[in-house]
N, C-alpha and C. Protein backbone atom coordinates (compact mmCIF):
# COMPACT_ATOMS: atom_id res chain seq x y z
N MET A 1 3.87 -16.90 0.70
CA MET A 1 2.81 -16.74 1.41
C MET A 1 1.58 -17.18 0.62
N ALA A 2 0.66 -18.08 1.41
CA ALA A 2 -0.59 -18.37 0.45
C ALA A 2 -1.50 -16.80 0.50
N VAL A 3 -2.37 -17.00 -0.45
CA VAL A 3 -3.18 -16.16 -0.63
C VAL A 3 -4.66 -16.76 -0.19
N PRO A 4 -5.33 -16.18 0.76
CA PRO A 4 -6.56 -16.58 0.88
C PRO A 4 -7.64 -16.70 0.09
N ILE A 5 -8.20 -17.37 -0.38
CA ILE A 5 -9.53 -17.69 -1.29
C ILE A 5 -10.67 -18.04 -0.60
N VAL A 6 -11.87 -17.34 -0.90
CA VAL A 6 -13.05 -17.58 -0.61
C VAL A 6 -13.97 -18.64 -1.18
N ARG A 7 -14.54 -19.85 -0.72
CA ARG A 7 -14.91 -20.72 -1.46
C ARG A 7 -16.50 -21.25 -0.78
N CYS A 8 -17.64 -21.33 -1.69
CA CYS A 8 -18.89 -21.57 -1.03
C CYS A 8 -18.63 -23.14 -0.44
N SER A 9 -19.45 -23.08 0.65
CA SER A 9 -19.50 -24.65 1.11
C SER A 9 -20.35 -25.24 0.52
N LEU A 10 -21.09 -24.86 -0.19
CA LEU A 10 -22.50 -25.79 -0.62
C LEU A 10 -21.89 -26.22 -2.09
N CYS A 11 -21.94 -25.21 -3.05
CA CYS A 11 -21.65 -25.26 -4.46
C CYS A 11 -20.17 -25.27 -4.67
N ARG A 12 -19.21 -25.15 -3.93
CA ARG A 12 -17.92 -25.08 -4.27
C ARG A 12 -17.14 -24.38 -5.11
N ARG A 13 -17.80 -22.92 -5.61
CA ARG A 13 -17.55 -22.25 -6.37
C ARG A 13 -16.42 -21.16 -5.74
N VAL A 14 -15.41 -20.42 -6.19
CA VAL A 14 -14.80 -19.52 -5.18
C VAL A 14 -14.99 -18.33 -5.98
N ARG A 15 -14.97 -17.20 -5.05
CA ARG A 15 -15.12 -15.91 -5.21
C ARG A 15 -13.89 -15.08 -5.79
N ASP A 16 -14.23 -14.56 -7.01
CA ASP A 16 -13.20 -13.71 -7.81
C ASP A 16 -13.60 -12.08 -7.39
N ASP A 17 -12.99 -11.82 -6.26
CA ASP A 17 -13.09 -10.12 -6.10
C ASP A 17 -12.59 -9.07 -6.88
N ALA A 18 -11.66 -9.72 -7.81
CA ALA A 18 -11.08 -8.85 -8.85
C ALA A 18 -10.66 -9.08 -10.11
N GLY A 19 -11.45 -10.16 -10.33
CA GLY A 19 -10.79 -10.87 -11.73
C GLY A 19 -11.51 -10.38 -12.93
N ALA A 20 -10.79 -10.47 -13.99
CA ALA A 20 -11.08 -10.20 -15.59
C ALA A 20 -12.09 -9.17 -15.65
N GLY A 21 -11.48 -7.87 -14.82
CA GLY A 21 -12.17 -6.56 -14.96
C GLY A 21 -13.88 -6.39 -14.57
N HIS A 22 -13.71 -7.26 -13.42
CA HIS A 22 -15.44 -7.17 -12.61
C HIS A 22 -15.29 -6.16 -11.82
N THR A 23 -16.42 -5.50 -11.74
CA THR A 23 -16.53 -4.46 -10.55
C THR A 23 -17.08 -4.97 -9.30
N THR A 24 -17.99 -6.06 -9.22
CA THR A 24 -18.11 -7.15 -8.30
C THR A 24 -17.79 -8.27 -8.39
N ALA A 25 -17.87 -8.83 -7.10
CA ALA A 25 -17.39 -10.28 -6.70
C ALA A 25 -18.49 -11.19 -7.68
N ARG A 26 -17.67 -12.12 -8.52
CA ARG A 26 -18.24 -13.02 -9.17
C ARG A 26 -17.61 -14.39 -8.57
N TRP A 27 -18.81 -15.59 -8.75
CA TRP A 27 -18.26 -16.73 -8.30
C TRP A 27 -18.00 -17.56 -9.53
N CYS A 28 -17.20 -18.35 -9.47
CA CYS A 28 -16.66 -19.20 -10.55
C CYS A 28 -16.12 -20.71 -10.37
N ASP A 29 -15.58 -21.20 -11.09
CA ASP A 29 -15.15 -22.97 -10.77
C ASP A 29 -14.08 -22.69 -10.26
N ILE A 30 -13.07 -23.21 -9.37
CA ILE A 30 -11.84 -23.02 -8.93
C ILE A 30 -10.93 -23.31 -9.86
N VAL A 31 -11.01 -24.24 -10.69
CA VAL A 31 -10.09 -24.46 -12.26
C VAL A 31 -9.98 -22.92 -12.90
N GLU A 32 -11.17 -22.57 -13.41
CA GLU A 32 -10.95 -21.60 -13.97
C GLU A 32 -10.55 -20.19 -13.42
N PHE A 33 -10.69 -20.19 -11.85
CA PHE A 33 -10.08 -19.05 -11.16
C PHE A 33 -8.74 -19.26 -10.96
N MET A 34 -8.25 -20.58 -10.96
CA MET A 34 -6.83 -20.61 -10.94
C MET A 34 -6.06 -20.45 -12.27
N ARG A 35 -6.74 -20.55 -13.34
CA ARG A 35 -6.43 -20.29 -14.60
C ARG A 35 -6.18 -19.21 -14.98
N MET A 36 -7.30 -18.22 -14.64
CA MET A 36 -7.19 -17.09 -14.42
C MET A 36 -6.33 -16.04 -14.21
N ASN A 37 -5.85 -16.63 -12.81
CA ASN A 37 -4.99 -15.91 -11.75
C ASN A 37 -3.79 -16.45 -11.69
N HIS A 38 -3.40 -17.50 -12.44
CA HIS A 38 -2.18 -17.94 -12.60
C HIS A 38 -1.63 -18.54 -11.15
N LEU A 39 -2.30 -19.31 -10.65
CA LEU A 39 -2.22 -19.57 -9.31
C LEU A 39 -1.99 -21.40 -9.24
N ARG A 40 -1.10 -21.84 -8.65
CA ARG A 40 -0.94 -23.16 -8.35
C ARG A 40 -1.64 -23.30 -6.95
N PRO A 41 -2.48 -24.68 -6.50
CA PRO A 41 -2.80 -25.19 -5.47
C PRO A 41 -2.05 -24.92 -4.07
N SER A 42 -0.67 -25.11 -4.38
CA SER A 42 -0.13 -24.47 -3.17
C SER A 42 0.20 -22.98 -2.98
N GLU A 43 -0.30 -22.13 -3.71
CA GLU A 43 -0.25 -20.43 -3.63
C GLU A 43 -1.28 -19.82 -2.78
N PHE A 44 -2.52 -20.86 -2.68
CA PHE A 44 -3.66 -20.05 -2.21
C PHE A 44 -4.23 -20.86 -0.98
N LEU A 45 -4.97 -20.45 0.04
CA LEU A 45 -5.28 -21.10 1.41
C LEU A 45 -6.87 -21.17 1.31
N LEU A 46 -7.83 -21.72 1.27
CA LEU A 46 -9.56 -21.65 0.78
C LEU A 46 -10.29 -21.57 2.41
N THR A 47 -11.03 -20.38 2.17
CA THR A 47 -11.78 -20.35 3.52
C THR A 47 -13.12 -20.44 3.06
N GLU A 48 -14.29 -21.06 3.92
CA GLU A 48 -15.52 -21.44 3.63
C GLU A 48 -16.40 -20.00 4.02
N THR A 49 -17.15 -20.06 3.03
CA THR A 49 -18.49 -19.20 3.53
C THR A 49 -19.75 -19.71 2.83
N TYR A 50 -21.06 -18.83 2.17
CA TYR A 50 -21.71 -19.15 1.27
C TYR A 50 -21.87 -18.31 0.18
N CYS A 51 -22.17 -18.61 -0.85
CA CYS A 51 -22.24 -17.37 -2.18
C CYS A 51 -23.82 -16.77 -1.89
N ASP A 52 -24.02 -15.94 -2.54
CA ASP A 52 -25.52 -15.57 -2.67
C ASP A 52 -26.55 -16.40 -2.69
N GLU A 53 -26.22 -17.12 -3.85
CA GLU A 53 -27.56 -17.94 -4.20
C GLU A 53 -27.54 -19.01 -3.41
N CYS A 54 -26.63 -19.61 -2.82
CA CYS A 54 -26.51 -21.07 -1.72
C CYS A 54 -27.14 -20.24 -0.35
N SER A 55 -26.68 -19.27 -0.27
CA SER A 55 -27.12 -18.21 1.23
C SER A 55 -28.74 -18.43 1.34
N LEU A 56 -29.18 -17.64 -0.24
CA LEU A 56 -30.79 -18.22 -0.15
C LEU A 56 -31.23 -19.11 -0.14
N PHE A 57 -30.65 -20.40 -0.75
CA PHE A 57 -31.00 -21.79 -1.02
C PHE A 57 -31.21 -22.08 0.61
N TYR A 58 -30.30 -22.17 1.23
CA TYR A 58 -29.95 -22.67 2.87
C TYR A 58 -31.06 -21.76 3.43
N ARG A 59 -31.31 -20.39 3.46
CA ARG A 59 -32.37 -19.82 4.19
C ARG A 59 -33.57 -20.50 3.84
N GLN A 60 -34.07 -20.54 2.33
CA GLN A 60 -35.25 -21.42 2.26
C GLN A 60 -35.54 -22.61 2.83
N LEU A 61 -34.31 -23.49 2.95
CA LEU A 61 -34.44 -24.76 3.63
C LEU A 61 -34.78 -24.87 4.93
N VAL A 62 -34.06 -23.69 5.57
CA VAL A 62 -34.26 -23.64 6.99
C VAL A 62 -35.95 -23.04 7.46
N THR A 63 -36.07 -22.22 6.25
CA THR A 63 -37.64 -21.52 6.79
C THR A 63 -38.57 -21.99 6.65
N TYR A 64 -38.48 -23.08 5.19
CA TYR A 64 -39.70 -23.94 5.11
C TYR A 64 -39.67 -25.26 5.25
N GLY A 65 -38.48 -25.87 5.48
CA GLY A 65 -37.96 -27.06 5.99
C GLY A 65 -37.85 -28.31 4.66
N ARG A 66 -37.96 -27.74 3.55
CA ARG A 66 -37.84 -28.57 2.65
C ARG A 66 -36.80 -28.04 1.68
N TRP A 67 -36.44 -29.16 0.64
CA TRP A 67 -35.39 -28.63 -0.44
C TRP A 67 -36.03 -28.35 -1.60
N PRO A 68 -35.60 -27.25 -2.13
CA PRO A 68 -36.29 -26.89 -3.47
C PRO A 68 -36.09 -27.88 -4.56
N ASN A 69 -36.57 -27.68 -5.85
CA ASN A 69 -36.47 -28.57 -7.09
C ASN A 69 -34.75 -28.97 -7.07
N GLN A 70 -34.20 -27.85 -7.14
CA GLN A 70 -32.87 -28.03 -7.53
C GLN A 70 -32.25 -26.92 -6.70
N MET A 71 -30.73 -27.33 -6.29
CA MET A 71 -29.98 -26.31 -5.88
C MET A 71 -29.25 -25.31 -6.84
N PRO A 72 -28.54 -24.47 -6.47
CA PRO A 72 -28.12 -23.25 -7.35
C PRO A 72 -27.14 -23.87 -8.35
N GLY A 73 -26.78 -23.37 -9.39
CA GLY A 73 -25.82 -24.11 -10.34
C GLY A 73 -26.45 -25.12 -11.24
N GLY A 74 -27.82 -25.50 -10.73
CA GLY A 74 -28.44 -26.47 -11.58
C GLY A 74 -27.92 -27.83 -11.03
N MET A 75 -27.55 -27.82 -9.99
CA MET A 75 -27.41 -29.26 -9.18
C MET A 75 -28.31 -29.78 -8.51
N PRO A 76 -28.83 -31.03 -8.76
CA PRO A 76 -29.99 -31.64 -7.98
C PRO A 76 -29.80 -31.75 -6.90
N GLY A 77 -30.76 -31.33 -6.07
CA GLY A 77 -31.30 -31.23 -4.67
C GLY A 77 -31.36 -32.65 -3.92
N PRO A 78 -30.70 -32.57 -2.72
CA PRO A 78 -30.69 -33.98 -2.08
C PRO A 78 -31.90 -34.75 -2.10
N ALA A 79 -33.08 -33.96 -2.05
CA ALA A 79 -34.30 -34.59 -1.90
C ALA A 79 -34.96 -35.43 -3.04
N ASP A 80 -34.23 -35.09 -4.14
CA ASP A 80 -34.38 -35.38 -5.50
C ASP A 80 -33.96 -37.07 -5.21
N ASP A 81 -32.98 -37.36 -4.29
CA ASP A 81 -32.87 -38.77 -4.28
C ASP A 81 -33.33 -39.74 -3.02
N VAL A 82 -34.13 -38.88 -2.43
CA VAL A 82 -34.73 -39.56 -1.47
C VAL A 82 -36.32 -39.84 -1.30
N ALA A 83 -36.90 -40.76 -1.28
CA ALA A 83 -38.21 -41.14 -1.35
C ALA A 83 -39.02 -39.91 -0.15
N ARG A 84 -39.90 -39.31 -0.39
CA ARG A 84 -40.74 -38.26 0.74
C ARG A 84 -41.90 -39.22 1.18
N PRO A 85 -42.01 -38.81 2.35
CA PRO A 85 -43.64 -39.71 2.98
C PRO A 85 -44.64 -38.97 2.68
N SER A 86 -45.63 -39.61 2.08
CA SER A 86 -46.75 -39.32 1.70
C SER A 86 -47.57 -38.46 2.59
N ILE A 87 -48.15 -37.53 2.72
CA ILE A 87 -49.19 -36.84 3.50
C ILE A 87 -50.74 -37.40 3.18
N ARG A 88 -51.59 -37.55 4.38
CA ARG A 88 -52.77 -37.84 4.12
C ARG A 88 -53.70 -37.04 4.80
């Protein structure tokens, strides 16, 4: 039976609820997670949500209607590639 694993829809990190002796959930790269938990891709099922950082990022986007300079995890935001209209 496949184990459900929670993955952030935006940054693609997975939640490690009980790994490496942490008392609270932490978000890590899926390859790191698989290595630490000795899992193969066929042994888990991904479910989607947002991590705390991406949730905050998304709320800022909805509230202010623009992308901040960078997304969580140091990834460039989509607005970095798009020319913004000038306001006069």
